[in-house]
Amino acid sequence: MTLDLDTSAPDAPECADDGVWLACIACGSTFAPFEDVRYTCDDCESLLEARYETPPTFEDFGDGASTDGPDRGVWRYREALPFDLGVTLPEGDTPLHEAPRLEADVGVETLRIKHEGMNPTGSFKDRGMTVGVRVAEELGVGALACASTGNTSAALAAYGGRADLETLVLLPAGKVAAGKVAQASLHGARILEVDGNFDACLDIVQELAARGEAYLLNSLNPFRLEGQKTIGFEILEAFHADHGTYPDRIVLPVGNAGNTAALYKAFRELVRSGALDVDDVPKLTGVQAAGAAPMVEAVEEDADEIRRWEDVETRATAIRIGNPVNAPKALPGIRNTGGTAVAVSDEAITDAQRALANEGIGVEPASAASVAGLRKLRREGVVDADERVVCLTTGHLLKDPDAAYEAGNDPEPVANDVDAVLELLAD
C-alpha cells in the first residue's frame, strides 16, 4: 500500500495483529502495532502509517458492521479503525452546514461547511484522541504528552482525564488563545509554557517521548490520524446522501497537515476496497496563513520536502506552525488528488470568519482560513463555478474569544432608559 491512489490491496505481514500493522511510508518496513511504543520507522526514521488487511467499504460502516457499537460518530467507522471502541466522550457526527449566501458570494455550484468545532472539546482533535488514548491503554503507558497551539492540549487533557492518565502539555508562551489554555487547565493537565514557538515545543516533547517519559499524542503518532480520517468518511456519506454525488473539492486549513494526510488516507482505503472510484476522490486543497505557509511554498515550488520556517506569525493561532510534521503524507495527498495549496492574509481570514458568523457558523480564526482560501482560488480561476465544495472548519468560535470579540461589533453604551435606547437605535 503506497501513498498513491490505486486499487492494489496490501497483504498482511507476519507482524500484523488481527489484520492491523504499522508500515513505513518511505522504506516499507512493517511493525507490530501494539507490542512497543513506536512513532517513526526503526530503519529510516520516516513516518509510519496504520495499515489494514481488509480496507472498508461504505456498507461496512454503522449498522452493517460486524460488531456491536455506535452507529454515529467516529466509532461508526470501527471497521476502518484498530479497535471496535475507544476512550469516547463521544466525538464525530459533526454538522455539514449549508451556507447559501456565502455559496452565492463565492460563486460555486454547492458549498457546504463541515464544522468540526462541534466536537466535545470544540475541535477535530477529539477524533484523534479517542483512538490515540485507546492505543495508549493497549500499550500500558502511564502518562500522555503533547506540544500544542491549543486545541491538541484541550483534547489530550479531556481524553486523558477520561482514561485516568496523567497528561502533560507544552505550549508556546503567550501564543495560545485563553479559551484553549483554560480547557487544558480545567481538565487537569500539567501545563508548561515554553519560551519558543510550537515547533520548539514539539522538539522537546519528541525528546521526552524518546526517553520514555510519556506517550506522544501529537499527529506524528500514526494512530492520531486514524481517528481524524473519519472526517473524510463523514463528508462523503453526508454529501452523497444530500446531493447524490461526492464533492469535487475539500478545502481545509493546514497547520501540522494531519487532516490533509488523514483525509487522503480515508480516500485511499475506500479506493482500495472498491467503494470509491479514483475519479470521485475530492481534490484536497490546503490553506495556510501567509505568515506560516511552508506547505504552500513546497507546493508552489514543486518540492518533495518542506523548508522549516523558524519565524511564523498569524492571528490564526491554531495554524501558527512552521514545520508541518505530516508534510510527507500530505504533499502526495494534495498532488495525487489534483488539489493545490494557497496562502491567505490575516485580514482575509477575519473577513471569512465574519462571513461564516453571518451564516450562524461560529469558528475560530484558523477554521475560517478554508473559506478565505476558497475565495482566493475562486477569484484566481483555480476553482471553477460549477464545482461542489466542502470547506472544513476545525475549531469553535469560543476557542479564541478575544479574536471573536475583535472581529465582531463593538458594544454600544446607552443610558438605563427606553427612550435612550430608541434614540440610539434611530441613529
Protein backbone atom coordinates (compact mmCIF):
# COMPACT_ATOMS: atom_id res chain seq x y z
CA MET A 1 0.00 0.00 0.00
CA THR A 2 1.87 3.04 -1.24
CA LEU A 3 0.77 6.67 -0.94
CA ASP A 4 -0.69 6.53 -4.44
CA LEU A 5 -4.35 6.25 -5.34
CA ASP A 6 -4.51 2.68 -6.63
CA THR A 7 -6.63 -0.42 -6.19
CA SER A 8 -3.97 -2.85 -5.01
CA ALA A 9 -4.78 -4.41 -1.65
CA PRO A 10 -2.00 -4.86 0.93
CA ASP A 11 -1.00 -8.30 2.14
CA ALA A 12 -0.82 -8.60 5.92
CA PRO A 13 2.75 -9.21 7.16
CA GLU A 14 3.51 -11.72 9.91
CA CYS A 15 3.71 -8.90 12.45
CA ALA A 16 0.06 -7.93 11.91
CA ASP A 17 -2.30 -8.06 14.88
CA ASP A 18 -5.84 -9.03 13.80
CA GLY A 19 -5.18 -7.59 10.34
CA VAL A 20 -3.60 -4.34 11.61
CA TRP A 21 0.04 -3.28 11.38
CA LEU A 22 2.30 -0.27 11.05
CA ALA A 23 4.22 0.45 7.86
CA CYS A 24 6.88 2.99 6.97
CA ILE A 25 5.75 5.31 4.18
CA ALA A 26 9.32 5.61 2.87
CA CYS A 27 11.08 2.24 3.05
CA GLY A 28 8.09 -0.06 3.54
CA SER A 29 9.30 -1.71 6.76
CA THR A 30 6.47 -3.19 8.81
CA PHE A 31 5.96 -3.44 12.56
CA ALA A 32 3.55 -4.95 15.05
CA PRO A 33 1.09 -2.24 16.08
CA PHE A 34 0.89 -2.66 19.86
CA GLU A 35 3.98 -4.54 21.07
CA ASP A 36 6.19 -1.47 21.52
CA VAL A 37 5.82 2.28 21.61
CA ARG A 38 6.82 3.47 18.17
CA TYR A 39 6.27 6.78 16.33
CA THR A 40 8.66 6.53 13.38
CA CYS A 41 10.40 3.80 11.40
CA ASP A 42 13.14 1.87 13.22
CA ASP A 43 15.10 1.55 9.98
CA CYS A 44 14.93 5.01 8.36
CA GLU A 45 13.10 7.22 10.91
CA SER A 46 10.39 8.16 8.41
CA LEU A 47 6.70 8.46 9.25
CA LEU A 48 4.59 5.38 9.97
CA GLU A 49 1.05 4.61 8.88
CA ALA A 50 -1.52 2.14 10.20
CA ARG A 51 -2.48 -0.42 7.58
CA TYR A 52 -5.40 -2.87 7.33
CA GLU A 53 -5.68 -6.23 5.60
CA THR A 54 -9.29 -5.55 4.63
CA PRO A 55 -9.94 -1.91 3.64
CA PRO A 56 -13.51 -0.75 4.41
CA THR A 57 -16.50 -0.17 2.16
CA PHE A 58 -19.44 2.11 2.94
CA GLU A 59 -21.52 -0.99 3.63
CA ASP A 60 -19.14 -1.93 6.44
CA PHE A 61 -19.94 1.22 8.38
CA GLY A 62 -22.57 1.64 11.07
CA ASP A 63 -25.41 -0.85 11.05
CA GLY A 64 -23.60 -3.00 8.51
CA ALA A 65 -20.55 -3.54 10.72
CA SER A 66 -19.86 -6.97 12.10
CA THR A 67 -19.59 -5.85 15.75
CA ASP A 68 -21.95 -4.07 18.11
CA GLY A 69 -21.26 -0.41 18.70
CA PRO A 70 -22.42 3.14 17.92
CA ASP A 71 -23.87 3.89 14.50
CA ARG A 72 -22.89 7.59 14.63
CA GLY A 73 -19.64 9.48 15.12
CA VAL A 74 -16.07 8.24 14.97
CA TRP A 75 -16.81 4.69 16.12
CA ARG A 76 -19.43 4.18 13.42
CA TYR A 77 -16.29 3.60 11.30
CA ARG A 78 -14.77 0.97 13.63
CA GLU A 79 -14.24 -1.40 10.70
CA ALA A 80 -11.64 1.10 9.48
CA LEU A 81 -10.03 1.58 12.92
CA PRO A 82 -7.68 -0.55 15.04
CA PHE A 83 -10.31 -1.17 17.76
CA ASP A 84 -14.09 -1.52 17.98
CA LEU A 85 -14.36 1.27 20.56
CA GLY A 86 -12.04 3.78 22.16
CA VAL A 87 -11.99 6.24 25.05
CA THR A 88 -15.03 8.19 23.92
CA LEU A 89 -16.99 11.26 25.05
CA PRO A 90 -18.42 10.74 22.25
CA GLU A 91 -16.98 12.55 19.21
CA GLY A 92 -17.63 12.98 15.50
CA ASP A 93 -21.01 13.20 13.77
CA THR A 94 -20.43 16.92 13.23
CA PRO A 95 -22.76 19.00 11.04
CA LEU A 96 -22.32 19.65 7.33
CA HIS A 97 -23.87 23.10 7.19
CA GLU A 98 -25.45 24.78 4.22
CA ALA A 99 -24.32 28.38 3.69
CA PRO A 100 -26.48 29.79 0.88
CA ARG A 101 -25.39 33.43 0.98
CA LEU A 102 -21.73 32.51 1.24
CA GLU A 103 -22.20 29.97 -1.56
CA ALA A 104 -23.65 32.70 -3.81
CA ASP A 105 -20.93 35.18 -2.81
CA VAL A 106 -18.10 32.75 -3.56
CA GLY A 107 -19.78 31.64 -6.78
CA VAL A 108 -19.68 27.84 -6.73
CA GLU A 109 -22.41 25.34 -7.53
CA THR A 110 -22.51 23.91 -4.00
CA LEU A 111 -20.81 24.95 -0.78
CA ARG A 112 -21.07 23.00 2.47
CA ILE A 113 -19.25 23.72 5.74
CA LYS A 114 -18.07 20.74 7.81
CA HIS A 115 -17.96 22.21 11.33
CA GLU A 116 -15.55 20.24 13.49
CA GLY A 117 -15.91 22.80 16.25
CA MET A 118 -18.97 20.83 17.35
CA ASN A 119 -16.85 18.04 18.84
CA PRO A 120 -16.79 17.64 22.67
CA THR A 121 -13.81 19.91 23.33
CA GLY A 122 -14.57 22.15 20.37
CA SER A 123 -12.18 20.89 17.69
CA PHE A 124 -11.38 18.00 15.36
CA LYS A 125 -8.58 16.90 17.70
CA ASP A 126 -11.09 14.82 19.67
CA ARG A 127 -11.32 12.38 16.77
CA GLY A 128 -7.64 11.60 17.01
CA MET A 129 -7.62 11.40 20.79
CA THR A 130 -10.43 8.84 21.07
CA VAL A 131 -8.23 6.43 19.08
CA GLY A 132 -4.83 7.57 20.35
CA VAL A 133 -5.69 7.32 24.05
CA ARG A 134 -7.21 3.87 23.45
CA VAL A 135 -3.88 2.80 21.91
CA ALA A 136 -2.08 4.24 24.93
CA GLU A 137 -4.22 1.98 27.13
CA GLU A 138 -3.34 -1.01 24.96
CA LEU A 139 0.37 -0.21 25.26
CA GLY A 140 0.07 0.20 29.03
CA VAL A 141 1.67 3.65 29.23
CA GLY A 142 1.18 5.77 32.34
CA ALA A 143 1.41 9.33 31.05
CA LEU A 144 0.48 11.24 27.89
CA ALA A 145 2.12 14.33 26.41
CA CYS A 146 1.79 16.75 23.52
CA ALA A 147 3.00 20.05 22.17
CA SER A 148 0.15 22.29 21.18
CA THR A 149 -1.08 25.55 19.73
CA GLY A 150 -4.09 24.92 21.99
CA ASN A 151 -6.62 22.50 20.56
CA THR A 152 -4.47 19.39 20.96
CA SER A 153 -3.82 20.25 24.61
CA ALA A 154 -7.54 20.64 25.32
CA ALA A 155 -8.39 17.32 23.69
CA LEU A 156 -5.49 15.45 25.27
CA ALA A 157 -6.40 16.75 28.73
CA ALA A 158 -10.07 15.77 28.34
CA TYR A 159 -9.46 12.29 26.96
CA GLY A 160 -6.53 11.67 29.28
CA GLY A 161 -8.75 12.65 32.17
CA ARG A 162 -11.46 10.31 30.95
CA ALA A 163 -8.91 7.47 30.84
CA ASP A 164 -7.46 8.48 34.25
CA LEU A 165 -3.99 9.04 32.78
CA GLU A 166 -1.54 11.83 33.62
CA THR A 167 -1.27 14.47 30.89
CA LEU A 168 1.50 16.95 30.15
CA VAL A 169 1.19 19.72 27.58
CA LEU A 170 3.85 22.11 26.32
CA LEU A 171 2.62 25.41 24.92
CA PRO A 172 4.49 28.33 23.32
CA ALA A 173 4.40 31.04 25.98
CA GLY A 174 1.98 33.85 25.19
CA LYS A 175 0.94 32.33 21.86
CA VAL A 176 -2.10 30.21 22.79
CA ALA A 177 -5.68 31.51 22.97
CA ALA A 178 -7.01 31.80 26.51
CA GLY A 179 -10.00 29.54 25.89
CA LYS A 180 -7.74 26.64 25.00
CA VAL A 181 -5.41 27.07 27.96
CA ALA A 182 -8.46 27.19 30.23
CA GLN A 183 -9.69 23.87 28.86
CA ALA A 184 -6.41 22.07 29.40
CA SER A 185 -6.14 23.55 32.88
CA LEU A 186 -9.65 22.59 33.98
CA HIS A 187 -9.31 19.06 32.60
CA GLY A 188 -6.29 18.60 34.84
CA ALA A 189 -3.28 18.69 32.53
CA ARG A 190 0.09 19.86 33.75
CA ILE A 191 0.87 22.86 31.54
CA LEU A 192 4.39 24.05 30.73
CA GLU A 193 4.81 27.31 28.83
CA VAL A 194 7.96 27.19 26.72
CA ASP A 195 9.98 30.22 25.67
CA GLY A 196 9.73 29.30 21.99
CA ASN A 197 7.25 28.56 19.21
CA PHE A 198 5.16 25.43 18.64
CA ASP A 199 7.88 23.67 16.70
CA ALA A 200 10.30 24.15 19.60
CA CYS A 201 7.69 22.66 21.93
CA LEU A 202 7.31 19.66 19.65
CA ASP A 203 11.09 19.16 19.55
CA ILE A 204 11.10 18.92 23.36
CA VAL A 205 8.08 16.61 23.56
CA GLN A 206 9.59 14.28 20.97
CA GLU A 207 12.75 14.05 23.03
CA LEU A 208 10.73 13.35 26.19
CA ALA A 209 8.87 10.59 24.35
CA ALA A 210 12.13 9.15 23.02
CA ARG A 211 13.37 8.91 26.60
CA GLY A 212 10.21 7.06 27.64
CA GLU A 213 8.89 9.83 29.86
CA ALA A 214 5.43 9.95 28.23
CA TYR A 215 3.41 8.70 25.28
CA LEU A 216 3.41 11.24 22.45
CA LEU A 217 -0.01 12.14 21.10
CA ASN A 218 0.79 14.78 18.53
CA SER A 219 -0.11 13.89 14.96
CA LEU A 220 3.36 12.41 14.48
CA ASN A 221 1.67 9.45 16.19
CA PRO A 222 0.14 7.43 13.33
CA PHE A 223 -2.90 6.39 15.38
CA ARG A 224 -3.96 10.02 15.87
CA LEU A 225 -4.63 10.25 12.14
CA GLU A 226 -6.76 7.12 12.18
CA GLY A 227 -9.40 8.95 14.17
CA GLN A 228 -9.10 12.07 12.06
CA LYS A 229 -9.65 10.19 8.80
CA THR A 230 -13.27 9.65 9.87
CA ILE A 231 -13.85 13.29 8.88
CA GLY A 232 -13.44 12.12 5.29
CA PHE A 233 -15.85 9.23 5.71
CA GLU A 234 -18.49 11.52 7.22
CA ILE A 235 -18.13 14.14 4.49
CA LEU A 236 -18.53 11.60 1.69
CA GLU A 237 -21.52 9.86 3.30
CA ALA A 238 -23.38 13.04 4.24
CA PHE A 239 -22.68 14.89 0.99
CA HIS A 240 -23.73 11.89 -1.10
CA ALA A 241 -26.93 11.48 0.93
CA ASP A 242 -27.86 15.12 0.25
CA HIS A 243 -26.64 15.56 -3.32
CA GLY A 244 -26.36 12.06 -4.82
CA THR A 245 -22.70 12.64 -5.61
CA TYR A 246 -19.40 13.39 -3.89
CA PRO A 247 -17.76 16.82 -3.51
CA ASP A 248 -15.30 17.86 -6.20
CA ARG A 249 -13.05 19.56 -3.70
CA ILE A 250 -12.39 19.72 0.05
CA VAL A 251 -10.68 22.88 1.29
CA LEU A 252 -9.07 22.73 4.71
CA PRO A 253 -6.75 24.72 6.98
CA VAL A 254 -3.21 23.39 7.28
CA GLY A 255 -1.09 23.55 10.41
CA ASN A 256 0.71 20.28 11.02
CA ALA A 257 -1.03 18.87 7.91
CA GLY A 258 -2.54 15.96 9.86
CA ASN A 259 -6.05 16.38 8.47
CA THR A 260 -4.79 16.59 4.90
CA ALA A 261 -2.89 13.33 5.41
CA ALA A 262 -5.79 11.71 7.24
CA LEU A 263 -8.46 12.55 4.64
CA TYR A 264 -6.19 11.31 1.88
CA LYS A 265 -5.74 8.04 3.76
CA ALA A 266 -9.50 7.65 4.11
CA PHE A 267 -9.95 8.09 0.37
CA ARG A 268 -7.10 5.69 -0.45
CA GLU A 269 -8.67 3.00 1.70
CA LEU A 270 -12.07 3.44 0.04
CA VAL A 271 -10.45 3.28 -3.41
CA ARG A 272 -8.66 0.06 -2.48
CA SER A 273 -11.87 -1.55 -1.22
CA GLY A 274 -13.68 -0.61 -4.43
CA ALA A 275 -16.12 1.67 -2.59
CA LEU A 276 -14.86 4.86 -4.26
CA ASP A 277 -13.76 5.41 -7.85
CA VAL A 278 -10.49 7.26 -8.33
CA ASP A 279 -12.34 9.85 -10.42
CA ASP A 280 -14.65 10.57 -7.46
CA VAL A 281 -11.86 11.38 -4.98
CA PRO A 282 -12.17 15.06 -3.95
CA LYS A 283 -9.31 17.45 -4.68
CA LEU A 284 -7.56 18.15 -1.38
CA THR A 285 -6.82 21.85 -1.16
CA GLY A 286 -4.78 23.21 1.75
CA VAL A 287 -4.87 26.75 3.10
CA GLN A 288 -2.27 28.38 5.31
CA ALA A 289 -1.87 31.85 6.76
CA ALA A 290 0.65 33.91 4.78
CA GLY A 291 2.84 34.23 7.87
CA ALA A 292 3.09 30.46 8.32
CA ALA A 293 3.00 28.83 4.89
CA PRO A 294 5.76 26.24 4.39
CA MET A 295 3.35 23.75 2.77
CA VAL A 296 2.22 26.35 0.24
CA GLU A 297 5.84 27.14 -0.54
CA ALA A 298 6.58 23.46 -1.18
CA VAL A 299 3.54 23.06 -3.46
CA GLU A 300 4.32 26.21 -5.43
CA GLU A 301 7.96 25.18 -5.87
CA ASP A 302 7.03 21.54 -6.64
CA ALA A 303 9.38 20.48 -3.86
CA ASP A 304 9.44 16.99 -2.36
CA GLU A 305 10.04 18.37 1.13
CA ILE A 306 9.07 21.45 3.06
CA ARG A 307 11.55 24.05 4.28
CA ARG A 308 11.11 24.69 8.00
CA TRP A 309 10.08 28.28 8.75
CA GLU A 310 11.73 29.35 12.00
CA ASP A 311 9.72 32.57 12.34
CA VAL A 312 5.96 32.25 11.93
CA GLU A 313 3.24 34.70 12.86
CA THR A 314 -0.53 34.86 12.30
CA ARG A 315 -3.61 35.65 14.34
CA ALA A 316 -4.85 32.19 13.31
CA THR A 317 -3.01 30.67 16.28
CA ALA A 318 -4.10 27.07 15.63
CA ILE A 319 -2.11 27.00 12.37
CA ARG A 320 0.89 29.04 13.52
CA ILE A 321 3.27 26.21 12.65
CA GLY A 322 6.48 26.39 10.64
CA ASN A 323 7.39 22.72 10.35
CA PRO A 324 4.36 20.54 9.47
CA VAL A 325 5.42 17.05 10.53
CA ASN A 326 2.86 15.34 8.31
CA ALA A 327 4.05 17.03 5.13
CA PRO A 328 5.47 13.74 3.71
CA LYS A 329 1.94 12.29 3.86
CA ALA A 330 0.05 15.46 2.98
CA LEU A 331 2.00 16.60 -0.09
CA PRO A 332 1.17 13.38 -2.00
CA GLY A 333 -2.45 13.82 -0.92
CA ILE A 334 -2.65 17.28 -2.45
CA ARG A 335 -0.80 16.34 -5.63
CA ASN A 336 -2.36 12.93 -6.29
CA THR A 337 -5.90 14.26 -5.95
CA GLY A 338 -5.29 17.22 -8.26
CA GLY A 339 -5.52 19.71 -5.41
CA THR A 340 -3.37 22.68 -4.51
CA ALA A 341 -2.37 24.92 -1.60
CA VAL A 342 -2.77 28.64 -1.10
CA ALA A 343 -1.73 31.27 1.46
CA VAL A 344 -4.12 33.97 2.69
CA SER A 345 -3.68 37.12 4.73
CA ASP A 346 -4.87 37.51 8.31
CA GLU A 347 -7.31 40.16 7.07
CA ALA A 348 -8.83 37.67 4.61
CA ILE A 349 -9.15 35.12 7.41
CA THR A 350 -11.02 37.60 9.61
CA ASP A 351 -13.33 38.56 6.74
CA ALA A 352 -14.11 34.88 6.19
CA GLN A 353 -14.72 34.41 9.93
CA ARG A 354 -17.31 37.21 9.79
CA ALA A 355 -18.94 35.73 6.68
CA LEU A 356 -19.31 32.36 8.38
CA ALA A 357 -20.68 34.03 11.50
CA ASN A 358 -23.30 35.80 9.37
CA GLU A 359 -24.49 32.32 8.36
CA GLY A 360 -24.69 31.35 12.04
CA ILE A 361 -21.49 29.27 11.92
CA GLY A 362 -19.11 30.36 14.68
CA VAL A 363 -15.47 29.37 14.19
CA GLU A 364 -12.04 30.40 15.45
CA PRO A 365 -9.74 32.26 13.00
CA ALA A 366 -7.76 29.23 11.77
CA SER A 367 -11.01 27.50 10.80
CA ALA A 368 -12.02 30.38 8.58
CA ALA A 369 -8.80 30.01 6.59
CA SER A 370 -10.54 27.37 4.46
CA VAL A 371 -13.21 29.82 3.30
CA ALA A 372 -10.64 32.58 2.79
CA GLY A 373 -8.62 30.21 0.63
CA LEU A 374 -11.65 29.16 -1.40
CA ARG A 375 -12.49 32.80 -2.06
CA LYS A 376 -8.95 33.49 -3.28
CA LEU A 377 -8.81 30.41 -5.51
CA ARG A 378 -12.21 31.25 -6.99
CA ARG A 379 -11.07 34.79 -7.81
CA GLU A 380 -7.93 33.41 -9.44
CA GLY A 381 -9.93 30.93 -11.52
CA VAL A 382 -8.35 27.87 -9.91
CA VAL A 383 -11.75 26.80 -8.58
CA ASP A 384 -14.49 26.71 -11.23
CA ALA A 385 -18.06 27.98 -10.85
CA ASP A 386 -19.52 24.51 -11.38
CA GLU A 387 -17.58 22.90 -8.51
CA ARG A 388 -19.17 21.26 -5.47
CA VAL A 389 -17.03 22.23 -2.49
CA VAL A 390 -16.78 21.36 1.19
CA CYS A 391 -14.83 23.70 3.47
CA LEU A 392 -13.56 22.18 6.69
CA THR A 393 -13.70 24.40 9.77
CA THR A 394 -11.66 22.92 12.56
CA GLY A 395 -12.40 24.76 15.83
CA HIS A 396 -15.24 26.51 17.62
CA LEU A 397 -15.68 30.27 17.91
CA LEU A 398 -15.20 30.19 21.70
CA LYS A 399 -11.76 28.61 21.36
CA ASP A 400 -10.44 32.15 20.82
CA PRO A 401 -12.93 34.60 22.37
CA ASP A 402 -10.53 37.53 22.11
CA ALA A 403 -10.27 37.13 18.34
CA ALA A 404 -14.05 36.78 18.09
CA TYR A 405 -14.52 39.98 20.08
CA GLU A 406 -12.08 41.87 17.88
CA ALA A 407 -13.77 40.63 14.69
CA GLY A 408 -17.30 41.40 15.87
CA ASN A 409 -19.36 44.52 16.50
CA ASP A 410 -18.41 46.75 19.44
CA PRO A 411 -20.93 47.06 22.29
CA GLU A 412 -22.60 50.47 22.47
CA PRO A 413 -23.16 52.17 25.84
CA VAL A 414 -26.64 53.51 26.49
CA ALA A 415 -28.47 55.04 29.42
CA ASN A 416 -30.84 52.98 31.56
CA ASP A 417 -33.90 54.33 29.75
CA VAL A 418 -36.21 53.05 26.97
CA ASP A 419 -36.29 56.39 25.17
CA ALA A 420 -32.49 56.50 25.18
CA VAL A 421 -32.41 53.00 23.63
CA LEU A 422 -34.91 54.04 20.94
CA GLU A 423 -32.98 57.22 20.21
CA LEU A 424 -29.74 55.26 19.81
CA LEU A 425 -31.43 52.72 17.52
CA ALA A 426 -32.87 55.53 15.41
CA ASP A 427 -29.39 56.97 14.95
